[in-house]
Amino acid sequence: MGERLVLVENVVKSFGEKILDGISLEVKAGEVVGLIGPNGTGKSTLVKILAGVESPDSGRVYVKNPSVLYQKDYLLPWKRLRDNLCLPSRFRGRECGLKYVERLGIVQYLDLYPKQVSGGTRRKTAIARALNMDFDVLILDEPFTGLDSRSKEELLSIIRELANSGKGVLVVSHQLEELFKVADRVYIIGGRPARIKKTLRREELGEGAF
């Protein structure tokens, strides 16, 4: 594995009560890392900290040039899917590429509005928007939610290709089967406040790992 692209050391975060308590993890170039835990353990809060939307109360966070898929799709309802997908690129003065729309199966929906398509299509549009960015590390919060089996397999293939090209990928998910197929390492988070309970390497993933 190569350069460290994500470094989280002893991160603490509270919203009235403590949510995250001393979280530490890392993602290196060429690596797919999973983060698994029950709902309510602060996984999405950690994603927001990595994205710079929230600040930790204490601890150290370093993330090199991320692109983030949030748990919510955050599509603008008054813009067509094509415009939603291209908005971040245009904001940065870059040409909007549509590299992944065919693989994700949304080409035929690009001129429709979010309310005119299914939740799965909206999710795939948000995924394509994240993939369309110029990034060193891709952070995906529950990316498989709402996807059919073919789309899940295609996304897993894309994630592996990105890692093979030297990108880092952090996948936050409760869907163990998908993570087992693609992750090099998995952090297990749990408790309240949340802590990293265990770290599993690829060879340890499988039945009985939990």
C-alpha atoms as a PDB file:
ATOM      1  CA  MET A   1       0.000   0.000   0.000  1.00  0.00           C
ATOM      2  CA  GLY A   2       1.091   3.548  -0.660  1.00  0.00           C
ATOM      3  CA  GLU A   3       0.670   7.034   0.708  1.00  0.00           C
ATOM      4  CA  ARG A   4      -1.616   7.595   3.675  1.00  0.00           C
ATOM      5  CA  LEU A   5      -4.648   9.497   2.356  1.00  0.00           C
ATOM      6  CA  VAL A   6      -6.830   9.472   5.485  1.00  0.00           C
ATOM      7  CA  LEU A   7      -5.552   9.654   9.040  1.00  0.00           C
ATOM      8  CA  VAL A   8      -7.883   9.888  12.022  1.00  0.00           C
ATOM      9  CA  GLU A   9      -6.300   9.872  15.469  1.00  0.00           C
ATOM     10  CA  ASN A  10      -8.247   9.858  18.751  1.00  0.00           C
ATOM     11  CA  VAL A  11     -11.204  11.842  17.421  1.00  0.00           C
ATOM     12  CA  VAL A  12     -13.831  12.850  19.961  1.00  0.00           C
ATOM     13  CA  LYS A  13     -17.162  14.460  19.036  1.00  0.00           C
ATOM     14  CA  SER A  14     -20.143  15.410  21.174  1.00  0.00           C
ATOM     15  CA  PHE A  15     -23.605  16.804  20.486  1.00  0.00           C
ATOM     16  CA  GLY A  16     -24.745  17.325  24.042  1.00  0.00           C
ATOM     17  CA  GLU A  17     -23.635  13.764  24.761  1.00  0.00           C
ATOM     18  CA  LYS A  18     -20.439  12.167  23.503  1.00  0.00           C
ATOM     19  CA  ILE A  19     -20.949  10.448  20.117  1.00  0.00           C
ATOM     20  CA  LEU A  20     -17.400   9.494  19.080  1.00  0.00           C
ATOM     21  CA  ASP A  21     -14.829   8.568  21.708  1.00  0.00           C
ATOM     22  CA  GLY A  22     -11.225   8.283  20.562  1.00  0.00           C
ATOM     23  CA  ILE A  23     -11.774   7.071  16.983  1.00  0.00           C
ATOM     24  CA  SER A  24      -8.623   6.206  15.022  1.00  0.00           C
ATOM     25  CA  LEU A  25      -8.380   4.814  11.491  1.00  0.00           C
ATOM     26  CA  GLU A  26      -6.454   5.254   8.252  1.00  0.00           C
ATOM     27  CA  VAL A  27      -6.795   4.707   4.517  1.00  0.00           C
ATOM     28  CA  LYS A  28      -3.808   4.355   2.214  1.00  0.00           C
ATOM     29  CA  ALA A  29      -3.515   4.775  -1.549  1.00  0.00           C
ATOM     30  CA  GLY A  30      -4.558   1.619  -3.342  1.00  0.00           C
ATOM     31  CA  GLU A  31      -6.669   0.423  -0.430  1.00  0.00           C
ATOM     32  CA  VAL A  32     -10.392  -0.154   0.135  1.00  0.00           C
ATOM     33  CA  VAL A  33     -11.288   0.209   3.802  1.00  0.00           C
ATOM     34  CA  GLY A  34     -14.676  -0.570   5.329  1.00  0.00           C
ATOM     35  CA  LEU A  35     -16.309   0.917   8.410  1.00  0.00           C
ATOM     36  CA  ILE A  36     -19.127  -1.212   9.858  1.00  0.00           C
ATOM     37  CA  GLY A  37     -21.396  -0.571  12.804  1.00  0.00           C
ATOM     38  CA  PRO A  38     -25.014  -0.388  13.950  1.00  0.00           C
ATOM     39  CA  ASN A  39     -27.192   2.619  13.216  1.00  0.00           C
ATOM     40  CA  GLY A  40     -26.672   5.436  15.697  1.00  0.00           C
ATOM     41  CA  THR A  41     -22.988   4.783  16.320  1.00  0.00           C
ATOM     42  CA  GLY A  42     -21.834   8.014  14.688  1.00  0.00           C
ATOM     43  CA  LYS A  43     -20.611   6.678  11.352  1.00  0.00           C
ATOM     44  CA  SER A  44     -22.218   9.498   9.377  1.00  0.00           C
ATOM     45  CA  THR A  45     -20.917  12.028  11.901  1.00  0.00           C
ATOM     46  CA  LEU A  46     -17.418  10.725  11.240  1.00  0.00           C
ATOM     47  CA  VAL A  47     -18.012  11.057   7.484  1.00  0.00           C
ATOM     48  CA  LYS A  48     -19.002  14.703   7.978  1.00  0.00           C
ATOM     49  CA  ILE A  49     -15.828  15.276  10.001  1.00  0.00           C
ATOM     50  CA  LEU A  50     -13.738  13.733   7.217  1.00  0.00           C
ATOM     51  CA  ALA A  51     -15.517  15.956   4.703  1.00  0.00           C
ATOM     52  CA  GLY A  52     -14.866  19.074   6.790  1.00  0.00           C
ATOM     53  CA  VAL A  53     -18.579  19.718   7.376  1.00  0.00           C
ATOM     54  CA  GLU A  54     -18.183  19.063  11.109  1.00  0.00           C
ATOM     55  CA  SER A  55     -15.154  19.662  13.332  1.00  0.00           C
ATOM     56  CA  PRO A  56     -13.978  17.221  15.994  1.00  0.00           C
ATOM     57  CA  ASP A  57     -13.919  18.344  19.608  1.00  0.00           C
ATOM     58  CA  SER A  58     -10.416  16.901  19.844  1.00  0.00           C
ATOM     59  CA  GLY A  59      -8.080  14.625  17.940  1.00  0.00           C
ATOM     60  CA  ARG A  60      -6.328  14.832  14.603  1.00  0.00           C
ATOM     61  CA  VAL A  61      -7.863  14.472  11.127  1.00  0.00           C
ATOM     62  CA  TYR A  62      -6.059  14.499   7.795  1.00  0.00           C
ATOM     63  CA  VAL A  63      -7.803  13.788   4.476  1.00  0.00           C
ATOM     64  CA  LYS A  64      -6.153  14.340   1.104  1.00  0.00           C
ATOM     65  CA  ASN A  65      -8.465  15.737  -1.589  1.00  0.00           C
ATOM     66  CA  PRO A  66     -11.664  13.777  -0.848  1.00  0.00           C
ATOM     67  CA  SER A  67     -14.850  13.240  -2.798  1.00  0.00           C
ATOM     68  CA  VAL A  68     -17.768  12.353  -0.540  1.00  0.00           C
ATOM     69  CA  LEU A  69     -21.041  10.515  -1.021  1.00  0.00           C
ATOM     70  CA  TYR A  70     -23.284  11.330   1.933  1.00  0.00           C
ATOM     71  CA  GLN A  71     -26.027   9.104   3.300  1.00  0.00           C
ATOM     72  CA  LYS A  72     -28.549  11.571   1.868  1.00  0.00           C
ATOM     73  CA  ASP A  73     -28.427  12.193  -1.879  1.00  0.00           C
ATOM     74  CA  TYR A  74     -28.692  16.006  -1.682  1.00  0.00           C
ATOM     75  CA  LEU A  75     -30.006  16.401  -5.244  1.00  0.00           C
ATOM     76  CA  LEU A  76     -31.472  19.809  -6.102  1.00  0.00           C
ATOM     77  CA  PRO A  77     -35.139  19.123  -6.981  1.00  0.00           C
ATOM     78  CA  TRP A  78     -35.359  21.999  -9.480  1.00  0.00           C
ATOM     79  CA  LYS A  79     -32.430  20.731 -11.556  1.00  0.00           C
ATOM     80  CA  ARG A  80     -32.345  17.752 -13.924  1.00  0.00           C
ATOM     81  CA  LEU A  81     -30.187  14.774 -12.985  1.00  0.00           C
ATOM     82  CA  ARG A  82     -27.566  15.794 -15.555  1.00  0.00           C
ATOM     83  CA  ASP A  83     -27.226  19.227 -13.962  1.00  0.00           C
ATOM     84  CA  ASN A  84     -27.083  17.767 -10.449  1.00  0.00           C
ATOM     85  CA  LEU A  85     -24.339  15.416 -11.539  1.00  0.00           C
ATOM     86  CA  CYS A  86     -22.316  18.151 -13.217  1.00  0.00           C
ATOM     87  CA  LEU A  87     -22.832  20.944 -10.681  1.00  0.00           C
ATOM     88  CA  PRO A  88     -19.643  20.369  -8.612  1.00  0.00           C
ATOM     89  CA  SER A  89     -17.470  20.141 -11.726  1.00  0.00           C
ATOM     90  CA  ARG A  90     -18.923  23.307 -13.222  1.00  0.00           C
ATOM     91  CA  PHE A  91     -18.535  25.111  -9.895  1.00  0.00           C
ATOM     92  CA  ARG A  92     -14.806  24.333 -10.090  1.00  0.00           C
ATOM     93  CA  GLY A  93     -14.581  25.393 -13.738  1.00  0.00           C
ATOM     94  CA  ARG A  94     -14.000  21.839 -14.958  1.00  0.00           C
ATOM     95  CA  GLU A  95     -15.594  20.044 -17.868  1.00  0.00           C
ATOM     96  CA  CYS A  96     -18.266  17.632 -16.721  1.00  0.00           C
ATOM     97  CA  GLY A  97     -17.497  14.051 -17.644  1.00  0.00           C
ATOM     98  CA  LEU A  98     -20.160  11.347 -17.701  1.00  0.00           C
ATOM     99  CA  LYS A  99     -17.794   8.417 -17.382  1.00  0.00           C
ATOM    100  CA  TYR A 100     -19.845   6.268 -15.035  1.00  0.00           C
ATOM    101  CA  VAL A 101     -23.464   6.989 -15.989  1.00  0.00           C
ATOM    102  CA  GLU A 102     -23.706   4.113 -18.452  1.00  0.00           C
ATOM    103  CA  ARG A 103     -22.152   1.633 -16.055  1.00  0.00           C
ATOM    104  CA  LEU A 104     -24.555   2.731 -13.328  1.00  0.00           C
ATOM    105  CA  GLY A 105     -27.519   2.512 -15.688  1.00  0.00           C
ATOM    106  CA  ILE A 106     -28.790   6.095 -15.527  1.00  0.00           C
ATOM    107  CA  VAL A 107     -28.115   7.415 -19.055  1.00  0.00           C
ATOM    108  CA  GLN A 108     -31.801   7.362 -19.989  1.00  0.00           C
ATOM    109  CA  TYR A 109     -32.760   9.402 -16.915  1.00  0.00           C
ATOM    110  CA  LEU A 110     -30.318  12.307 -17.166  1.00  0.00           C
ATOM    111  CA  ASP A 111     -32.863  14.801 -18.532  1.00  0.00           C
ATOM    112  CA  LEU A 112     -35.441  14.013 -15.829  1.00  0.00           C
ATOM    113  CA  TYR A 113     -35.890  15.703 -12.467  1.00  0.00           C
ATOM    114  CA  PRO A 114     -35.250  13.893  -9.169  1.00  0.00           C
ATOM    115  CA  LYS A 115     -38.974  13.586  -8.371  1.00  0.00           C
ATOM    116  CA  GLN A 116     -39.521  11.796 -11.707  1.00  0.00           C
ATOM    117  CA  VAL A 117     -37.185   8.881 -10.964  1.00  0.00           C
ATOM    118  CA  SER A 118     -36.898   6.136  -8.361  1.00  0.00           C
ATOM    119  CA  GLY A 119     -34.905   6.367  -5.145  1.00  0.00           C
ATOM    120  CA  GLY A 120     -32.383   3.933  -6.605  1.00  0.00           C
ATOM    121  CA  THR A 121     -31.832   6.168  -9.637  1.00  0.00           C
ATOM    122  CA  ARG A 122     -31.398   9.205  -7.396  1.00  0.00           C
ATOM    123  CA  ARG A 123     -28.837   7.251  -5.366  1.00  0.00           C
ATOM    124  CA  LYS A 124     -26.917   6.235  -8.491  1.00  0.00           C
ATOM    125  CA  THR A 125     -26.929   9.873  -9.643  1.00  0.00           C
ATOM    126  CA  ALA A 126     -25.371  10.939  -6.334  1.00  0.00           C
ATOM    127  CA  ILE A 127     -22.779   8.154  -6.689  1.00  0.00           C
ATOM    128  CA  ALA A 128     -21.954   9.236 -10.248  1.00  0.00           C
ATOM    129  CA  ARG A 129     -21.553  12.834  -9.016  1.00  0.00           C
ATOM    130  CA  ALA A 130     -19.040  11.726  -6.369  1.00  0.00           C
ATOM    131  CA  LEU A 131     -17.156   9.605  -8.898  1.00  0.00           C
ATOM    132  CA  ASN A 132     -17.091  12.521 -11.334  1.00  0.00           C
ATOM    133  CA  MET A 133     -14.927  14.623  -9.019  1.00  0.00           C
ATOM    134  CA  ASP A 134     -11.132  14.895  -9.081  1.00  0.00           C
ATOM    135  CA  PHE A 135     -10.136  13.108  -5.860  1.00  0.00           C
ATOM    136  CA  ASP A 136      -7.421  11.147  -4.114  1.00  0.00           C
ATOM    137  CA  VAL A 137      -9.752   9.436  -1.685  1.00  0.00           C
ATOM    138  CA  LEU A 138     -13.408   8.504  -2.178  1.00  0.00           C
ATOM    139  CA  ILE A 139     -15.605   8.387   0.946  1.00  0.00           C
ATOM    140  CA  LEU A 140     -18.896   6.552   0.516  1.00  0.00           C
ATOM    141  CA  ASP A 141     -21.583   6.608   3.226  1.00  0.00           C
ATOM    142  CA  GLU A 142     -24.043   3.697   2.751  1.00  0.00           C
ATOM    143  CA  PRO A 143     -23.503   3.577  -1.034  1.00  0.00           C
ATOM    144  CA  PHE A 144     -25.388   0.296  -1.584  1.00  0.00           C
ATOM    145  CA  THR A 145     -28.702   1.453  -0.085  1.00  0.00           C
ATOM    146  CA  GLY A 146     -31.473   1.355  -2.685  1.00  0.00           C
ATOM    147  CA  LEU A 147     -29.367  -0.323  -5.383  1.00  0.00           C
ATOM    148  CA  ASP A 148     -30.391  -3.462  -7.234  1.00  0.00           C
ATOM    149  CA  SER A 149     -27.985  -6.404  -7.316  1.00  0.00           C
ATOM    150  CA  ARG A 150     -26.545  -5.552 -10.753  1.00  0.00           C
ATOM    151  CA  SER A 151     -25.836  -1.967  -9.702  1.00  0.00           C
ATOM    152  CA  LYS A 152     -24.205  -3.165  -6.484  1.00  0.00           C
ATOM    153  CA  GLU A 153     -21.878  -5.438  -8.432  1.00  0.00           C
ATOM    154  CA  GLU A 154     -21.014  -2.639 -10.858  1.00  0.00           C
ATOM    155  CA  LEU A 155     -20.249  -0.261  -8.003  1.00  0.00           C
ATOM    156  CA  LEU A 156     -18.047  -2.884  -6.327  1.00  0.00           C
ATOM    157  CA  SER A 157     -16.162  -3.271  -9.610  1.00  0.00           C
ATOM    158  CA  ILE A 158     -15.680   0.502  -9.876  1.00  0.00           C
ATOM    159  CA  ILE A 159     -14.447   0.698  -6.273  1.00  0.00           C
ATOM    160  CA  ARG A 160     -11.869  -2.031  -6.896  1.00  0.00           C
ATOM    161  CA  GLU A 161     -10.726  -0.354 -10.124  1.00  0.00           C
ATOM    162  CA  LEU A 162     -10.242   2.946  -8.287  1.00  0.00           C
ATOM    163  CA  ALA A 163      -8.106   1.254  -5.637  1.00  0.00           C
ATOM    164  CA  ASN A 164      -6.077  -0.548  -8.299  1.00  0.00           C
ATOM    165  CA  SER A 165      -5.403   2.838  -9.933  1.00  0.00           C
ATOM    166  CA  GLY A 166      -3.960   4.183  -6.659  1.00  0.00           C
ATOM    167  CA  LYS A 167      -6.995   5.884  -5.154  1.00  0.00           C
ATOM    168  CA  GLY A 168      -8.073   5.281  -1.566  1.00  0.00           C
ATOM    169  CA  VAL A 169     -11.666   4.306  -0.826  1.00  0.00           C
ATOM    170  CA  LEU A 170     -13.480   4.359   2.524  1.00  0.00           C
ATOM    171  CA  VAL A 171     -16.842   2.577   2.465  1.00  0.00           C
ATOM    172  CA  VAL A 172     -19.189   3.138   5.405  1.00  0.00           C
ATOM    173  CA  SER A 173     -21.908   0.501   5.321  1.00  0.00           C
ATOM    174  CA  HIS A 174     -23.973  -1.954   7.331  1.00  0.00           C
ATOM    175  CA  GLN A 175     -24.171  -4.316   4.315  1.00  0.00           C
ATOM    176  CA  LEU A 176     -21.514  -6.844   5.231  1.00  0.00           C
ATOM    177  CA  GLU A 177     -21.777  -9.030   2.148  1.00  0.00           C
ATOM    178  CA  GLU A 178     -20.767  -6.208  -0.184  1.00  0.00           C
ATOM    179  CA  LEU A 179     -17.894  -5.079   2.024  1.00  0.00           C
ATOM    180  CA  PHE A 180     -16.542  -8.614   2.285  1.00  0.00           C
ATOM    181  CA  LYS A 181     -16.254  -8.688  -1.509  1.00  0.00           C
ATOM    182  CA  VAL A 182     -14.144  -5.562  -1.860  1.00  0.00           C
ATOM    183  CA  ALA A 183     -12.523  -4.397   1.402  1.00  0.00           C
ATOM    184  CA  ASP A 184      -8.840  -4.871   2.217  1.00  0.00           C
ATOM    185  CA  ARG A 185      -9.537  -3.982   5.847  1.00  0.00           C
ATOM    186  CA  VAL A 186     -12.657  -3.399   7.931  1.00  0.00           C
ATOM    187  CA  TYR A 187     -13.005  -1.345  11.107  1.00  0.00           C
ATOM    188  CA  ILE A 188     -15.866  -2.367  13.387  1.00  0.00           C
ATOM    189  CA  ILE A 189     -17.371   0.518  15.344  1.00  0.00           C
ATOM    190  CA  GLY A 190     -19.787   0.167  18.220  1.00  0.00           C
ATOM    191  CA  GLY A 191     -20.912   1.291  21.632  1.00  0.00           C
ATOM    192  CA  ARG A 192     -22.232   4.587  22.864  1.00  0.00           C
ATOM    193  CA  PRO A 193     -20.142   6.627  22.769  1.00  0.00           C
ATOM    194  CA  ALA A 194     -18.682   4.856  19.739  1.00  0.00           C
ATOM    195  CA  ARG A 195     -15.226   3.315  19.670  1.00  0.00           C
ATOM    196  CA  ILE A 196     -13.372   1.106  17.215  1.00  0.00           C
ATOM    197  CA  LYS A 197     -13.962  -2.379  18.595  1.00  0.00           C
ATOM    198  CA  LYS A 198     -11.938  -4.431  16.136  1.00  0.00           C
ATOM    199  CA  THR A 199      -9.986  -4.259  12.875  1.00  0.00           C
ATOM    200  CA  LEU A 200     -10.099  -7.142  10.407  1.00  0.00           C
ATOM    201  CA  ARG A 201      -7.721  -7.719   7.501  1.00  0.00           C
ATOM    202  CA  ARG A 202      -8.984  -9.132   4.203  1.00  0.00           C
ATOM    203  CA  GLU A 203      -7.939 -12.689   5.033  1.00  0.00           C
ATOM    204  CA  GLU A 204     -10.001 -12.504   8.234  1.00  0.00           C
ATOM    205  CA  LEU A 205     -13.234 -11.398   6.546  1.00  0.00           C
ATOM    206  CA  GLY A 206     -15.955 -13.988   6.170  1.00  0.00           C
ATOM    207  CA  GLU A 207     -18.312 -16.137   8.172  1.00  0.00           C
ATOM    208  CA  GLY A 208     -17.673 -15.857  11.878  1.00  0.00           C
ATOM    209  CA  ALA A 209     -15.698 -12.609  11.595  1.00  0.00           C
ATOM    210  CA  PHE A 210     -18.192 -10.878  13.871  1.00  0.00           C
END
